[in-house]
Amino acid sequence: MQVTVDVKGEDVLEVDAGADATYADLLSAVELSPHEVTVLVDGRPVPEDQPVSVDHVTVLRLVKGG
């Protein structure tokens, strides 16, 4: 399944998620850590270990700076 990963304020990426992919797998595919972001589905946070069941997610960075 193709999943659109919208990293708010940064990129919109397409990820090929396997049948048993989790939201943590999506984050890994776009080189983000679950410790620095939150995955939202329909505006609600989802656990990283939950299987991917949608074709579009929004990712919000929790900490950004330098």
N, C-alpha and C. Protein backbone atom coordinates (compact mmCIF):
# COMPACT_ATOMS: atom_id res chain seq x y z
N MET A 1 0.83 -1.16 0.00
CA MET A 1 0.00 0.00 0.00
C MET A 1 0.89 1.25 0.00
N GLN A 2 0.56 2.21 -0.83
CA GLN A 2 1.26 3.49 -0.85
C GLN A 2 0.65 4.39 0.22
N VAL A 3 1.50 4.98 1.05
CA VAL A 3 1.04 5.86 2.12
C VAL A 3 1.71 7.22 1.94
N THR A 4 0.92 8.27 1.96
CA THR A 4 1.45 9.63 1.91
C THR A 4 1.77 10.06 3.33
N VAL A 5 3.02 10.45 3.55
CA VAL A 5 3.48 10.91 4.85
C VAL A 5 3.74 12.41 4.74
N ASP A 6 2.88 13.20 5.37
CA ASP A 6 2.96 14.66 5.33
C ASP A 6 3.66 15.14 6.60
N VAL A 7 4.95 15.47 6.48
CA VAL A 7 5.71 16.00 7.61
C VAL A 7 5.46 17.51 7.61
N LYS A 8 4.62 17.97 8.52
CA LYS A 8 4.17 19.36 8.52
C LYS A 8 5.33 20.33 8.55
N GLY A 9 5.27 21.29 7.63
CA GLY A 9 6.30 22.32 7.54
C GLY A 9 7.55 21.87 6.83
N GLU A 10 7.58 20.63 6.33
CA GLU A 10 8.78 20.11 5.68
C GLU A 10 8.45 19.45 4.35
N ASP A 11 8.26 18.13 4.36
CA ASP A 11 8.10 17.37 3.12
C ASP A 11 6.80 16.59 3.11
N VAL A 12 6.39 16.22 1.92
CA VAL A 12 5.32 15.24 1.72
C VAL A 12 5.95 14.11 0.92
N LEU A 13 5.96 12.93 1.52
CA LEU A 13 6.65 11.79 0.93
C LEU A 13 5.69 10.63 0.71
N GLU A 14 6.00 9.82 -0.30
CA GLU A 14 5.25 8.59 -0.56
C GLU A 14 6.07 7.41 -0.06
N VAL A 15 5.44 6.55 0.72
CA VAL A 15 6.13 5.39 1.29
C VAL A 15 5.36 4.14 0.90
N ASP A 16 6.09 3.12 0.46
CA ASP A 16 5.48 1.83 0.15
C ASP A 16 5.47 1.00 1.43
N ALA A 17 4.29 0.90 2.05
CA ALA A 17 4.16 0.17 3.32
C ALA A 17 3.70 -1.25 3.04
N GLY A 18 4.39 -2.19 3.61
CA GLY A 18 4.01 -3.60 3.46
C GLY A 18 2.72 -3.91 4.19
N ALA A 19 2.21 -5.11 4.01
CA ALA A 19 0.93 -5.52 4.58
C ALA A 19 0.91 -5.46 6.11
N ASP A 20 2.05 -5.71 6.74
CA ASP A 20 2.09 -5.71 8.20
C ASP A 20 2.88 -4.53 8.76
N ALA A 21 3.00 -3.45 8.00
CA ALA A 21 3.76 -2.28 8.43
C ALA A 21 3.06 -1.56 9.58
N THR A 22 3.88 -1.00 10.48
CA THR A 22 3.37 -0.19 11.58
C THR A 22 3.71 1.27 11.31
N TYR A 23 3.16 2.16 12.12
CA TYR A 23 3.47 3.58 11.96
C TYR A 23 4.95 3.84 12.26
N ALA A 24 5.56 3.05 13.12
CA ALA A 24 7.01 3.17 13.37
C ALA A 24 7.79 2.82 12.10
N ASP A 25 7.31 1.85 11.33
CA ASP A 25 7.96 1.50 10.07
C ASP A 25 7.89 2.67 9.09
N LEU A 26 6.76 3.38 9.05
CA LEU A 26 6.65 4.56 8.19
C LEU A 26 7.67 5.61 8.59
N LEU A 27 7.79 5.83 9.90
CA LEU A 27 8.75 6.83 10.38
C LEU A 27 10.17 6.44 10.01
N SER A 28 10.49 5.18 10.15
CA SER A 28 11.81 4.70 9.78
C SER A 28 12.08 4.93 8.30
N ALA A 29 11.06 4.70 7.47
CA ALA A 29 11.22 4.87 6.02
C ALA A 29 11.51 6.31 5.63
N VAL A 30 11.04 7.27 6.44
CA VAL A 30 11.30 8.69 6.14
C VAL A 30 12.38 9.26 7.07
N GLU A 31 13.11 8.34 7.72
CA GLU A 31 14.26 8.69 8.56
C GLU A 31 13.92 9.63 9.71
N LEU A 32 12.82 9.32 10.40
CA LEU A 32 12.42 10.05 11.60
C LEU A 32 12.31 9.08 12.76
N SER A 33 12.56 9.58 13.95
CA SER A 33 12.47 8.77 15.16
C SER A 33 11.13 9.00 15.85
N PRO A 34 10.52 7.94 16.39
CA PRO A 34 9.28 8.12 17.15
C PRO A 34 9.47 8.99 18.39
N HIS A 35 10.72 9.21 18.79
CA HIS A 35 11.01 10.05 19.95
C HIS A 35 10.93 11.53 19.64
N GLU A 36 10.95 11.89 18.37
CA GLU A 36 10.94 13.31 18.00
C GLU A 36 9.68 13.75 17.28
N VAL A 37 8.75 12.82 17.00
CA VAL A 37 7.54 13.17 16.25
C VAL A 37 6.31 12.46 16.83
N THR A 38 5.16 12.95 16.39
CA THR A 38 3.88 12.30 16.66
C THR A 38 3.20 12.04 15.32
N VAL A 39 2.65 10.84 15.16
CA VAL A 39 1.92 10.49 13.94
C VAL A 39 0.43 10.73 14.21
N LEU A 40 -0.20 11.47 13.28
CA LEU A 40 -1.63 11.76 13.40
C LEU A 40 -2.39 11.13 12.24
N VAL A 41 -3.53 10.54 12.56
CA VAL A 41 -4.46 10.02 11.56
C VAL A 41 -5.79 10.72 11.83
N ASP A 42 -6.28 11.43 10.85
CA ASP A 42 -7.51 12.21 11.00
C ASP A 42 -7.43 13.16 12.20
N GLY A 43 -6.24 13.73 12.42
CA GLY A 43 -6.05 14.70 13.48
C GLY A 43 -5.85 14.13 14.87
N ARG A 44 -5.80 12.80 14.97
CA ARG A 44 -5.64 12.16 16.28
C ARG A 44 -4.34 11.35 16.32
N PRO A 45 -3.62 11.42 17.43
CA PRO A 45 -2.38 10.65 17.54
C PRO A 45 -2.65 9.14 17.54
N VAL A 46 -1.73 8.40 16.95
CA VAL A 46 -1.83 6.95 16.93
C VAL A 46 -0.54 6.36 17.50
N PRO A 47 -0.63 5.20 18.16
CA PRO A 47 0.57 4.54 18.67
C PRO A 47 1.46 4.07 17.53
N GLU A 48 2.76 4.18 17.72
CA GLU A 48 3.70 3.80 16.66
C GLU A 48 3.67 2.31 16.36
N ASP A 49 3.24 1.49 17.32
CA ASP A 49 3.24 0.04 17.10
C ASP A 49 1.93 -0.46 16.48
N GLN A 50 1.01 0.43 16.18
CA GLN A 50 -0.26 0.05 15.56
C GLN A 50 -0.05 -0.19 14.06
N PRO A 51 -0.72 -1.19 13.48
CA PRO A 51 -0.60 -1.43 12.04
C PRO A 51 -1.17 -0.25 11.24
N VAL A 52 -0.53 0.05 10.12
CA VAL A 52 -0.99 1.12 9.24
C VAL A 52 -2.28 0.69 8.57
N SER A 53 -3.32 1.54 8.68
CA SER A 53 -4.61 1.19 8.10
C SER A 53 -5.17 2.29 7.21
N VAL A 54 -4.38 3.32 6.95
CA VAL A 54 -4.83 4.45 6.13
C VAL A 54 -3.79 4.75 5.06
N ASP A 55 -4.16 5.58 4.08
CA ASP A 55 -3.21 5.90 3.02
C ASP A 55 -2.64 7.31 3.14
N HIS A 56 -2.95 8.01 4.25
CA HIS A 56 -2.40 9.35 4.48
C HIS A 56 -2.23 9.58 5.97
N VAL A 57 -1.03 10.00 6.38
CA VAL A 57 -0.77 10.35 7.77
C VAL A 57 -0.09 11.72 7.81
N THR A 58 -0.26 12.38 8.93
CA THR A 58 0.41 13.65 9.18
C THR A 58 1.41 13.40 10.30
N VAL A 59 2.61 13.97 10.14
CA VAL A 59 3.65 13.83 11.16
C VAL A 59 4.00 15.22 11.67
N LEU A 60 3.97 15.37 12.99
CA LEU A 60 4.35 16.63 13.63
C LEU A 60 5.62 16.42 14.44
N ARG A 61 6.59 17.32 14.21
CA ARG A 61 7.80 17.28 15.03
C ARG A 61 7.48 17.82 16.41
N LEU A 62 7.98 17.14 17.43
CA LEU A 62 7.77 17.58 18.80
C LEU A 62 8.83 18.60 19.21
N VAL A 63 10.04 18.43 18.70
CA VAL A 63 11.14 19.31 19.04
C VAL A 63 11.88 19.66 17.76
N LYS A 64 12.13 20.94 17.55
CA LYS A 64 12.89 21.35 16.38
C LYS A 64 13.69 22.57 16.77
N GLY A 65 14.90 22.61 16.35
CA GLY A 65 15.72 23.78 16.68
C GLY A 65 17.18 23.50 16.45
N GLY A 66 17.96 24.41 16.91
CA GLY A 66 19.39 24.24 16.71
C GLY A 66 20.18 25.19 17.54
